[in-house]
């Protein structure tokens, strides 16, 4: 399984970006797709996840109400990011697993990441 994230860039505070993650092969209903992010000098942290079969979602408190994760069959997941803040600056990674989890260790496959920079 290969995952490819795209859509990052430079945006001013208050702006929006849409990230996309496409995977090779079909995503089965048991899959969970997630976004994580890692800022310089910090650990990778959970952002959002979606259960492929039910489209049930979960978000980190820091992004609730601003970010939306969605799926686009057969194998793409998006992260719509609005009202961006400088604190959202990080490399964003998509990941795929089968557990409903906010832990990086629960995910088997990772994309390379895409840089999001929010200027103040």
Protein backbone atom coordinates (compact mmCIF):
# COMPACT_ATOMS: atom_id res chain seq x y z
CA UNK A 1 0.00 0.00 0.00
CA UNK A 2 1.36 3.38 -0.95
CA UNK A 3 -0.11 6.66 0.22
CA UNK A 4 0.53 10.03 -1.37
CA UNK A 5 -0.42 13.27 0.33
CA UNK A 6 -0.78 16.52 -1.57
CA UNK A 7 -2.25 19.99 -1.26
CA UNK A 8 0.05 21.62 1.23
CA UNK A 9 1.41 25.10 0.83
CA UNK A 10 1.84 28.55 2.31
CA UNK A 11 -1.25 30.40 3.48
CA UNK A 12 -1.97 33.41 5.65
CA UNK A 13 -3.64 33.04 9.02
CA UNK A 14 -7.38 32.71 8.59
CA UNK A 15 -6.99 31.07 5.21
CA UNK A 16 -7.88 27.60 4.00
CA UNK A 17 -6.22 24.61 2.42
CA UNK A 18 -7.43 21.22 1.27
CA UNK A 19 -5.17 18.24 1.63
CA UNK A 20 -5.71 15.02 -0.28
CA UNK A 21 -4.34 11.54 0.24
CA UNK A 22 -4.60 8.89 -2.42
CA UNK A 23 -3.75 5.27 -1.80
CA UNK A 24 -2.83 2.49 -4.13
CA UNK A 25 -5.39 -0.25 -4.34
CA UNK A 26 -8.84 -0.47 -2.91
CA UNK A 27 -9.57 0.72 0.62
CA UNK A 28 -11.62 -1.93 2.38
CA UNK A 29 -14.52 -1.08 4.63
CA UNK A 30 -12.59 -2.04 7.76
CA UNK A 31 -9.97 0.61 7.11
CA UNK A 32 -9.41 3.71 9.15
CA UNK A 33 -7.77 6.65 7.42
CA UNK A 34 -6.17 9.38 9.47
CA UNK A 35 -4.20 12.59 9.32
CA UNK A 36 -1.37 13.38 11.66
CA UNK A 37 0.98 16.33 11.75
CA UNK A 38 4.46 17.04 13.01
CA UNK A 39 5.82 20.48 13.74
CA UNK A 40 9.56 21.13 14.00
CA UNK A 41 10.94 19.85 17.29
CA UNK A 42 7.65 18.22 18.26
CA UNK A 43 6.26 14.72 18.19
CA UNK A 44 3.83 13.62 15.53
CA UNK A 45 0.29 14.29 16.71
CA UNK A 46 -3.17 13.13 15.74
CA UNK A 47 -5.36 15.48 13.71
CA UNK A 48 -8.39 13.57 12.38
CA UNK A 49 -9.56 10.12 11.38
CA UNK A 50 -12.41 8.50 9.48
CA UNK A 51 -13.77 4.95 9.43
CA UNK A 52 -14.11 4.03 5.77
CA UNK A 53 -17.30 1.98 6.11
CA UNK A 54 -19.33 4.31 8.32
CA UNK A 55 -17.66 7.68 7.68
CA UNK A 56 -17.61 8.13 11.44
CA UNK A 57 -15.00 10.76 12.28
CA UNK A 58 -12.91 11.94 15.20
CA UNK A 59 -10.87 15.11 15.61
CA UNK A 60 -8.21 16.50 17.87
CA UNK A 61 -9.59 19.21 20.12
CA UNK A 62 -7.23 21.73 18.56
CA UNK A 63 -8.85 21.40 15.13
CA UNK A 64 -12.50 20.71 15.95
CA UNK A 65 -14.81 23.06 14.12
CA UNK A 66 -12.05 24.13 11.72
CA UNK A 67 -10.95 20.93 9.98
CA UNK A 68 -13.10 18.37 8.19
CA UNK A 69 -12.01 14.91 7.09
CA UNK A 70 -13.92 13.21 4.31
CA UNK A 71 -13.57 10.32 1.95
CA UNK A 72 -13.77 10.18 -1.80
CA UNK A 73 -14.15 6.65 -3.03
CA UNK A 74 -12.49 4.51 -4.01
CA UNK A 75 -9.24 5.45 -2.34
CA UNK A 76 -8.91 9.14 -1.48
CA UNK A 77 -9.31 10.99 1.78
CA UNK A 78 -9.38 14.77 2.13
CA UNK A 79 -8.68 17.17 4.97
CA UNK A 80 -10.39 20.52 4.57
CA UNK A 81 -8.64 23.05 6.78
CA UNK A 82 -10.28 26.40 7.49
CA UNK A 83 -9.44 29.29 9.79
CA UNK A 84 -5.83 28.23 9.76
CA UNK A 85 -3.55 29.47 12.52
CA UNK A 86 0.24 29.72 12.68
CA UNK A 87 0.11 26.88 15.22
CA UNK A 88 -1.18 24.61 12.43
CA UNK A 89 2.17 24.86 10.67
CA UNK A 90 3.54 21.33 10.30
CA UNK A 91 4.18 18.49 7.93
CA UNK A 92 0.89 16.66 7.50
CA UNK A 93 0.87 12.91 7.04
CA UNK A 94 -1.91 10.58 6.01
CA UNK A 95 -2.02 7.09 7.43
CA UNK A 96 -4.01 3.92 7.06
CA UNK A 97 -4.85 1.26 9.59
CA UNK A 98 -7.72 -0.77 10.94
CA UNK A 99 -7.94 0.42 14.54
CA UNK A 100 -10.00 3.36 15.75
CA UNK A 101 -7.04 5.07 17.35
CA UNK A 102 -5.29 8.40 17.77
CA UNK A 103 -1.93 6.68 18.32
CA UNK A 104 0.66 6.64 15.55
CA UNK A 105 1.53 3.06 16.45
CA UNK A 106 -1.92 1.88 15.35
CA UNK A 107 -1.32 2.74 11.70
CA UNK A 108 0.39 0.41 9.29
CA UNK A 109 0.92 2.62 6.27
CA UNK A 110 2.08 6.21 5.98
CA UNK A 111 2.42 8.74 3.23
CA UNK A 112 5.47 10.98 2.89
CA UNK A 113 3.78 14.10 4.13
CA UNK A 114 3.00 17.53 2.79
CA UNK A 115 4.16 20.82 4.29
CA UNK A 116 1.59 23.31 5.54
CA UNK A 117 2.89 26.73 6.55
CA UNK A 118 0.59 29.36 8.02
CA UNK A 119 1.98 32.87 8.24
CA UNK A 120 0.78 35.40 10.80
